[in-house]
Amino acid sequence: MDKDIRAGEIAAALPQAFDAGLYFVGRLRTPWATRAECPHYGALDGPLCRIEIDDRWRPALLGLEGREFLQVLYFMHQARRDLLVQTPRTRAAPSGTFAIRSPVRPNPIALSRVRLEKVENGVLFVRGLDCIDGTPLVDIKPDR
């Protein structure tokens, strides 16, 4: 039995191949070095974080200035991907992966609504992230 499995948890065998590919467009810079340090939810009045956009994708930032809120999609690259049922530390009973906000999921993609403070030289300064420093950025969308 996997020693990292808590009572009541169920793991699955992962598929042999991926169904799709994606491009990381940058990195998220936060004050948290480990998953244990990360807040469970990002706070819009939380610490100032940076979204660093890779040079090739910087023209895609045109028009973001002046937006108040953004949706940020990112890849939780350090999360395991095989648990179907989990027993979070904050719950007494097991829950299905799709019923909780755990980073442990088949496709560890996260979505955060952030407050945009400013855009400067290909870097977005935001509040509201809840991930470890260096997390790969998948996409950014304006929030309405």
Protein backbone atom coordinates (compact mmCIF):
# COMPACT_ATOMS: atom_id res chain seq x y z
CA MET A 1 0.00 0.00 0.00
CA ASP A 2 1.20 3.51 -0.83
CA LYS A 3 2.44 5.09 2.42
CA ASP A 4 1.17 8.51 1.26
CA ILE A 5 -2.45 7.31 1.18
CA ARG A 6 -4.60 8.25 4.16
CA ALA A 7 -7.38 6.06 5.52
CA GLY A 8 -10.32 5.99 3.11
CA GLU A 9 -8.36 7.26 0.10
CA ILE A 10 -8.41 5.51 -3.27
CA ALA A 11 -5.75 5.86 -5.97
CA ALA A 12 -6.09 4.99 -9.67
CA ALA A 13 -3.61 3.81 -12.27
CA LEU A 14 -2.83 6.74 -14.55
CA PRO A 15 -3.30 6.46 -18.36
CA GLN A 16 -0.22 5.58 -20.41
CA ALA A 17 -0.37 8.80 -22.48
CA PHE A 18 -1.76 12.33 -22.26
CA ASP A 19 -4.74 13.41 -24.35
CA ALA A 20 -3.54 16.96 -25.07
CA GLY A 21 -0.60 19.31 -24.77
CA LEU A 22 -0.32 22.88 -23.56
CA TYR A 23 2.17 25.71 -23.40
CA PHE A 24 3.19 27.38 -20.17
CA VAL A 25 3.16 31.13 -20.79
CA GLY A 26 4.97 32.25 -17.66
CA ARG A 27 5.54 31.66 -13.95
CA LEU A 28 3.79 32.79 -10.79
CA ARG A 29 5.93 34.37 -8.09
CA THR A 30 4.48 34.15 -4.58
CA PRO A 31 5.84 34.26 -1.02
CA TRP A 32 5.16 30.54 -0.46
CA ALA A 33 7.92 27.96 -1.01
CA THR A 34 5.90 24.86 -0.10
CA ARG A 35 2.35 23.61 -0.46
CA ALA A 36 1.98 23.57 3.34
CA GLU A 37 2.63 27.35 3.43
CA CYS A 38 0.02 28.21 0.79
CA PRO A 39 -3.36 29.55 1.86
CA HIS A 40 -6.37 27.40 0.98
CA TYR A 41 -7.97 30.35 -0.82
CA GLY A 42 -6.31 33.40 -2.29
CA ALA A 43 -7.34 36.67 -0.67
CA LEU A 44 -7.91 39.76 -2.81
CA ASP A 45 -6.26 41.77 -0.04
CA GLY A 46 -3.45 39.22 0.32
CA PRO A 47 0.23 39.70 -0.45
CA LEU A 48 1.38 41.26 -3.70
CA CYS A 49 2.43 38.51 -6.13
CA ARG A 50 3.92 38.62 -9.60
CA ILE A 51 2.88 36.91 -12.80
CA GLU A 52 5.96 36.86 -15.02
CA ILE A 53 5.07 36.39 -18.68
CA ASP A 54 7.64 34.75 -20.97
CA ASP A 55 8.99 37.14 -23.62
CA ARG A 56 7.30 35.40 -26.59
CA TRP A 57 3.83 35.86 -25.00
CA ARG A 58 4.16 39.47 -23.79
CA PRO A 59 2.32 41.03 -26.76
CA ALA A 60 -0.77 39.12 -25.54
CA LEU A 61 -0.91 41.46 -22.52
CA LEU A 62 -2.11 44.35 -24.71
CA GLY A 63 -5.35 45.70 -23.27
CA LEU A 64 -5.03 44.25 -19.77
CA GLU A 65 -4.09 47.56 -18.16
CA GLY A 66 -7.06 49.06 -16.41
CA ARG A 67 -8.76 45.72 -15.73
CA GLU A 68 -9.62 45.30 -12.08
CA PHE A 69 -9.87 41.50 -11.91
CA LEU A 70 -8.37 38.61 -13.86
CA GLN A 71 -8.84 34.86 -13.93
CA VAL A 72 -5.51 33.06 -13.74
CA LEU A 73 -5.19 29.41 -14.74
CA TYR A 74 -2.11 27.58 -13.56
CA PHE A 75 -0.66 24.07 -13.38
CA MET A 76 -0.02 22.70 -9.90
CA HIS A 77 3.12 20.91 -11.05
CA GLN A 78 4.03 19.32 -7.71
CA ALA A 79 0.64 17.71 -7.05
CA ARG A 80 0.11 13.99 -7.34
CA ARG A 81 -2.51 13.04 -9.93
CA ASP A 82 -3.80 9.60 -9.04
CA LEU A 83 -6.23 10.01 -6.13
CA LEU A 84 -9.93 9.49 -6.83
CA VAL A 85 -11.03 9.70 -3.20
CA GLN A 86 -9.19 11.85 -0.67
CA THR A 87 -9.33 12.41 3.06
CA PRO A 88 -8.47 16.09 3.57
CA ARG A 89 -7.00 17.02 6.93
CA THR A 90 -9.90 19.41 7.47
CA ARG A 91 -12.66 16.79 6.98
CA ALA A 92 -13.59 13.71 8.95
CA ALA A 93 -14.80 11.65 5.99
CA PRO A 94 -13.32 10.91 2.56
CA SER A 95 -14.51 12.95 -0.44
CA GLY A 96 -14.29 12.47 -4.18
CA THR A 97 -11.56 14.51 -5.83
CA PHE A 98 -14.09 16.46 -7.92
CA ALA A 99 -15.97 17.49 -4.74
CA ILE A 100 -13.03 19.28 -3.09
CA ARG A 101 -10.48 22.01 -3.94
CA SER A 102 -7.41 19.86 -3.32
CA PRO A 103 -4.52 20.31 -5.77
CA VAL A 104 -4.43 16.51 -6.07
CA ARG A 105 -6.47 15.77 -9.20
CA PRO A 106 -6.08 14.06 -12.60
CA ASN A 107 -5.32 17.40 -14.26
CA PRO A 108 -3.92 19.69 -11.55
CA ILE A 109 -5.15 22.91 -13.11
CA ALA A 110 -6.15 25.69 -10.75
CA LEU A 111 -8.18 28.85 -11.27
CA SER A 112 -7.81 31.98 -9.14
CA ARG A 113 -9.62 35.27 -9.40
CA VAL A 114 -7.04 37.96 -8.71
CA ARG A 115 -7.01 41.74 -8.34
CA LEU A 116 -4.70 43.38 -10.88
CA GLU A 117 -2.62 46.12 -9.26
CA LYS A 118 -0.42 47.05 -12.23
CA VAL A 119 1.29 45.82 -15.41
CA GLU A 120 4.97 46.64 -15.77
CA ASN A 121 7.50 45.30 -18.33
CA GLY A 122 5.71 42.00 -18.93
CA VAL A 123 4.95 41.44 -15.27
CA LEU A 124 1.47 41.55 -13.72
CA PHE A 125 1.32 42.52 -10.06
CA VAL A 126 -1.70 40.86 -8.47
CA ARG A 127 -3.33 39.89 -5.18
CA GLY A 128 -5.30 36.70 -4.67
CA LEU A 129 -2.99 33.83 -5.63
CA ASP A 130 -2.74 30.70 -3.48
CA CYS A 131 0.08 28.65 -5.05
CA ILE A 132 3.75 27.95 -4.50
CA ASP A 133 6.45 30.17 -5.93
CA GLY A 134 7.43 29.18 -9.47
CA THR A 135 4.10 27.60 -10.42
CA PRO A 136 3.70 27.40 -14.23
CA LEU A 137 1.13 29.75 -15.77
CA VAL A 138 -1.34 28.25 -18.26
CA ASP A 139 -3.50 31.27 -19.18
CA ILE A 140 -4.94 34.62 -18.13
CA LYS A 141 -8.45 35.83 -18.89
CA PRO A 142 -10.17 39.10 -18.01
CA ASP A 143 -12.86 38.68 -15.38
CA ARG A 144 -15.92 40.06 -17.19
